[in-house]
C-alpha atoms as a PDB file:
ATOM      1  CA  UNK A   1      18.338 -35.562 -31.430  1.00  0.00           C
ATOM      2  CA  UNK A   2      21.500 -34.786 -29.393  1.00  0.00           C
ATOM      3  CA  UNK A   3      21.446 -31.207 -30.814  1.00  0.00           C
ATOM      4  CA  UNK A   4      17.763 -30.707 -29.570  1.00  0.00           C
ATOM      5  CA  UNK A   5      18.682 -32.013 -26.062  1.00  0.00           C
ATOM      6  CA  UNK A   6      21.744 -29.575 -25.978  1.00  0.00           C
ATOM      7  CA  UNK A   7      19.357 -26.673 -27.082  1.00  0.00           C
ATOM      8  CA  UNK A   8      16.803 -27.612 -24.466  1.00  0.00           C
ATOM      9  CA  UNK A   9      19.489 -27.703 -21.816  1.00  0.00           C
ATOM     10  CA  UNK A  10      20.917 -24.330 -22.937  1.00  0.00           C
ATOM     11  CA  UNK A  11      17.449 -22.782 -22.892  1.00  0.00           C
ATOM     12  CA  UNK A  12      16.658 -24.194 -19.267  1.00  0.00           C
ATOM     13  CA  UNK A  13      19.988 -22.839 -18.182  1.00  0.00           C
ATOM     14  CA  UNK A  14      19.341 -19.290 -19.432  1.00  0.00           C
ATOM     15  CA  UNK A  15      15.742 -19.570 -17.916  1.00  0.00           C
ATOM     16  CA  UNK A  16      16.902 -20.588 -14.493  1.00  0.00           C
ATOM     17  CA  UNK A  17      19.792 -18.107 -14.506  1.00  0.00           C
ATOM     18  CA  UNK A  18      17.406 -15.324 -15.302  1.00  0.00           C
ATOM     19  CA  UNK A  19      14.974 -16.505 -12.721  1.00  0.00           C
ATOM     20  CA  UNK A  20      17.529 -16.539  -9.949  1.00  0.00           C
ATOM     21  CA  UNK A  21      19.295 -13.322 -10.823  1.00  0.00           C
ATOM     22  CA  UNK A  22      16.129 -11.234 -11.415  1.00  0.00           C
ATOM     23  CA  UNK A  23      13.658 -12.983  -9.268  1.00  0.00           C
ATOM     24  CA  UNK A  24      15.706 -13.029  -6.228  1.00  0.00           C
ATOM     25  CA  UNK A  25      16.596  -9.415  -6.094  1.00  0.00           C
ATOM     26  CA  UNK A  26      14.379  -7.725  -3.445  1.00  0.00           C
ATOM     27  CA  UNK A  27      15.094  -4.220  -4.496  1.00  0.00           C
ATOM     28  CA  UNK A  28      11.691  -3.438  -5.844  1.00  0.00           C
ATOM     29  CA  UNK A  29       9.836  -0.738  -3.945  1.00  0.00           C
ATOM     30  CA  UNK A  30       6.314  -1.000  -2.846  1.00  0.00           C
ATOM     31  CA  UNK A  31       4.373   2.171  -3.716  1.00  0.00           C
ATOM     32  CA  UNK A  32       0.874   2.961  -2.492  1.00  0.00           C
ATOM     33  CA  UNK A  33      -1.394   5.818  -3.513  1.00  0.00           C
ATOM     34  CA  UNK A  34      -3.967   6.292  -0.656  1.00  0.00           C
ATOM     35  CA  UNK A  35      -5.373   9.511  -1.959  1.00  0.00           C
ATOM     36  CA  UNK A  36      -5.629   9.541  -5.916  1.00  0.00           C
ATOM     37  CA  UNK A  37      -5.991  13.367  -5.885  1.00  0.00           C
ATOM     38  CA  UNK A  38      -2.306  13.611  -4.763  1.00  0.00           C
ATOM     39  CA  UNK A  39      -1.290  12.533  -8.283  1.00  0.00           C
ATOM     40  CA  UNK A  40      -2.802  15.681  -9.861  1.00  0.00           C
ATOM     41  CA  UNK A  41      -2.095  18.019  -7.213  1.00  0.00           C
ATOM     42  CA  UNK A  42       0.921  20.270  -7.675  1.00  0.00           C
ATOM     43  CA  UNK A  43       3.165  20.057  -4.509  1.00  0.00           C
ATOM     44  CA  UNK A  44       4.815  23.398  -3.827  1.00  0.00           C
ATOM     45  CA  UNK A  45       6.198  22.472  -0.447  1.00  0.00           C
ATOM     46  CA  UNK A  46       6.995  19.752   1.959  1.00  0.00           C
ATOM     47  CA  UNK A  47       8.166  19.480   5.562  1.00  0.00           C
ATOM     48  CA  UNK A  48      10.732  16.896   6.391  1.00  0.00           C
ATOM     49  CA  UNK A  49      10.318  14.599   9.309  1.00  0.00           C
ATOM     50  CA  UNK A  50      12.865  11.726   9.966  1.00  0.00           C
ATOM     51  CA  UNK A  51      12.307   9.008  12.830  1.00  0.00           C
ATOM     52  CA  UNK A  52      14.591   8.197  14.398  1.00  0.00           C
ATOM     53  CA  UNK A  53      16.817  11.090  13.727  1.00  0.00           C
ATOM     54  CA  UNK A  54      19.666  10.463  11.273  1.00  0.00           C
ATOM     55  CA  UNK A  55      22.218  13.121  10.140  1.00  0.00           C
ATOM     56  CA  UNK A  56      23.089  11.458   6.811  1.00  0.00           C
ATOM     57  CA  UNK A  57      19.431  11.022   5.880  1.00  0.00           C
ATOM     58  CA  UNK A  58      18.786  14.678   6.794  1.00  0.00           C
ATOM     59  CA  UNK A  59      21.623  16.004   4.747  1.00  0.00           C
ATOM     60  CA  UNK A  60      20.921  13.748   1.888  1.00  0.00           C
ATOM     61  CA  UNK A  61      17.331  14.812   1.706  1.00  0.00           C
ATOM     62  CA  UNK A  62      18.016  18.508   2.174  1.00  0.00           C
ATOM     63  CA  UNK A  63      20.585  18.140  -0.791  1.00  0.00           C
ATOM     64  CA  UNK A  64      17.607  16.818  -2.930  1.00  0.00           C
ATOM     65  CA  UNK A  65      14.976  19.389  -2.025  1.00  0.00           C
ATOM     66  CA  UNK A  66      14.350  22.734  -0.154  1.00  0.00           C
ATOM     67  CA  UNK A  67      12.006  21.650   2.696  1.00  0.00           C
ATOM     68  CA  UNK A  68       9.753  24.142   4.491  1.00  0.00           C
ATOM     69  CA  UNK A  69       9.081  23.790   8.216  1.00  0.00           C
ATOM     70  CA  UNK A  70       5.665  25.404   7.944  1.00  0.00           C
ATOM     71  CA  UNK A  71       4.291  23.478   4.978  1.00  0.00           C
ATOM     72  CA  UNK A  72       1.104  21.385   5.745  1.00  0.00           C
ATOM     73  CA  UNK A  73       2.456  18.436   3.605  1.00  0.00           C
ATOM     74  CA  UNK A  74       4.968  16.316   5.438  1.00  0.00           C
ATOM     75  CA  UNK A  75       7.498  13.824   3.994  1.00  0.00           C
ATOM     76  CA  UNK A  76       7.842  11.401   6.892  1.00  0.00           C
ATOM     77  CA  UNK A  77      10.917   9.051   6.645  1.00  0.00           C
ATOM     78  CA  UNK A  78      11.284   6.189   8.770  1.00  0.00           C
ATOM     79  CA  UNK A  79      13.908   3.467   8.481  1.00  0.00           C
ATOM     80  CA  UNK A  80      15.422   0.634  10.387  1.00  0.00           C
ATOM     81  CA  UNK A  81      18.927  -0.850  10.178  1.00  0.00           C
ATOM     82  CA  UNK A  82      20.294  -4.227  11.571  1.00  0.00           C
ATOM     83  CA  UNK A  83      17.102  -6.217  11.481  1.00  0.00           C
ATOM     84  CA  UNK A  84      17.490  -9.767  12.564  1.00  0.00           C
ATOM     85  CA  UNK A  85      15.009 -12.523  12.627  1.00  0.00           C
ATOM     86  CA  UNK A  86      15.518 -15.384  14.980  1.00  0.00           C
ATOM     87  CA  UNK A  87      12.089 -16.922  14.478  1.00  0.00           C
ATOM     88  CA  UNK A  88      12.063 -20.551  13.350  1.00  0.00           C
ATOM     89  CA  UNK A  89       8.927 -19.912  11.274  1.00  0.00           C
ATOM     90  CA  UNK A  90      11.082 -17.870   8.740  1.00  0.00           C
ATOM     91  CA  UNK A  91      13.859 -20.614   8.188  1.00  0.00           C
ATOM     92  CA  UNK A  92      12.904 -21.196   4.626  1.00  0.00           C
ATOM     93  CA  UNK A  93      12.711 -17.657   3.733  1.00  0.00           C
ATOM     94  CA  UNK A  94      16.093 -16.840   5.331  1.00  0.00           C
ATOM     95  CA  UNK A  95      17.731 -19.974   3.690  1.00  0.00           C
ATOM     96  CA  UNK A  96      16.218 -19.535   0.102  1.00  0.00           C
ATOM     97  CA  UNK A  97      16.187 -15.760  -0.594  1.00  0.00           C
ATOM     98  CA  UNK A  98      17.556 -14.146   2.445  1.00  0.00           C
ATOM     99  CA  UNK A  99      15.979 -11.810   4.947  1.00  0.00           C
ATOM    100  CA  UNK A 100      16.105  -8.034   4.690  1.00  0.00           C
ATOM    101  CA  UNK A 101      18.450  -6.253   7.139  1.00  0.00           C
ATOM    102  CA  UNK A 102      16.812  -2.891   6.887  1.00  0.00           C
ATOM    103  CA  UNK A 103      14.092  -0.999   5.354  1.00  0.00           C
ATOM    104  CA  UNK A 104      13.367   2.582   4.155  1.00  0.00           C
ATOM    105  CA  UNK A 105       9.760   4.150   4.262  1.00  0.00           C
ATOM    106  CA  UNK A 106       8.785   7.428   2.896  1.00  0.00           C
ATOM    107  CA  UNK A 107       5.237   8.763   3.371  1.00  0.00           C
ATOM    108  CA  UNK A 108       3.611  11.858   2.343  1.00  0.00           C
ATOM    109  CA  UNK A 109       1.131  13.063   4.834  1.00  0.00           C
ATOM    110  CA  UNK A 110      -1.213  15.937   5.543  1.00  0.00           C
ATOM    111  CA  UNK A 111      -2.039  16.042   9.077  1.00  0.00           C
ATOM    112  CA  UNK A 112      -2.898  12.404  10.101  1.00  0.00           C
ATOM    113  CA  UNK A 113      -3.943  11.693   6.616  1.00  0.00           C
ATOM    114  CA  UNK A 114      -1.668   9.278   4.496  1.00  0.00           C
ATOM    115  CA  UNK A 115      -1.581  10.389   0.898  1.00  0.00           C
ATOM    116  CA  UNK A 116       1.456   8.332  -0.687  1.00  0.00           C
ATOM    117  CA  UNK A 117       3.924   5.800   0.578  1.00  0.00           C
ATOM    118  CA  UNK A 118       6.999   4.260  -0.717  1.00  0.00           C
ATOM    119  CA  UNK A 119       8.609   1.267   0.949  1.00  0.00           C
ATOM    120  CA  UNK A 120      11.550  -0.936   0.243  1.00  0.00           C
ATOM    121  CA  UNK A 121      13.364  -3.719   1.892  1.00  0.00           C
ATOM    122  CA  UNK A 122      17.021  -3.597   1.774  1.00  0.00           C
ATOM    123  CA  UNK A 123      19.965  -5.993   2.065  1.00  0.00           C
ATOM    124  CA  UNK A 124      22.276  -3.379   3.568  1.00  0.00           C
ATOM    125  CA  UNK A 125      21.835  -0.149   5.811  1.00  0.00           C
ATOM    126  CA  UNK A 126      20.007   2.638   4.348  1.00  0.00           C
ATOM    127  CA  UNK A 127      22.390   4.664   1.894  1.00  0.00           C
ATOM    128  CA  UNK A 128      22.373   7.920   0.112  1.00  0.00           C
ATOM    129  CA  UNK A 129      21.641   5.989  -3.047  1.00  0.00           C
ATOM    130  CA  UNK A 130      18.597   4.365  -1.374  1.00  0.00           C
ATOM    131  CA  UNK A 131      17.392   7.888  -0.478  1.00  0.00           C
ATOM    132  CA  UNK A 132      17.857   9.273  -3.788  1.00  0.00           C
ATOM    133  CA  UNK A 133      16.117   6.406  -5.583  1.00  0.00           C
ATOM    134  CA  UNK A 134      13.123   6.748  -3.233  1.00  0.00           C
ATOM    135  CA  UNK A 135      12.877  10.483  -3.784  1.00  0.00           C
ATOM    136  CA  UNK A 136      13.374  10.158  -7.675  1.00  0.00           C
ATOM    137  CA  UNK A 137      10.400   7.636  -7.469  1.00  0.00           C
ATOM    138  CA  UNK A 138       8.333  10.113  -5.564  1.00  0.00           C
ATOM    139  CA  UNK A 139       9.193  12.894  -7.914  1.00  0.00           C
ATOM    140  CA  UNK A 140       8.231  10.517 -10.871  1.00  0.00           C
ATOM    141  CA  UNK A 141       4.819   9.847  -9.413  1.00  0.00           C
ATOM    142  CA  UNK A 142       3.914  13.150  -7.878  1.00  0.00           C
ATOM    143  CA  UNK A 143       3.877  16.686  -9.229  1.00  0.00           C
ATOM    144  CA  UNK A 144       6.755  18.103  -7.067  1.00  0.00           C
ATOM    145  CA  UNK A 145       7.340  21.644  -8.238  1.00  0.00           C
ATOM    146  CA  UNK A 146      10.007  23.078  -5.975  1.00  0.00           C
ATOM    147  CA  UNK A 147      13.330  21.089  -5.763  1.00  0.00           C
ATOM    148  CA  UNK A 148      17.085  21.999  -5.566  1.00  0.00           C
END
């Protein structure tokens, strides 16, 4: 009987350890495909747009892909660092699993039409690794033909 109790305690310990280490990581991106045809359309060029302007983001993205200023498809990157939330409505969220301090959003647009988006909340400022991971995901999902 004691052995069974120890085994159950051991299993519960493993379960809750996995739950808190995997379940509380907020690094999973949210990907939306707004135009399903974009998944089967070869993408031969993209124009880069970053808001607000950021030299590190521009240099990192240009090291990953050869952007074309006259391309009708636009990779629009927006981000925000240093997000704080002072609302008392989010006390539980902030105390249990934290509150993101930044985000990264990458959208593929043609004109005003949104085709694809990649969004991730981050615990630190946007980094080169975050940009590379986002662009790798975009390349995995879409048929991007021309990169560096």
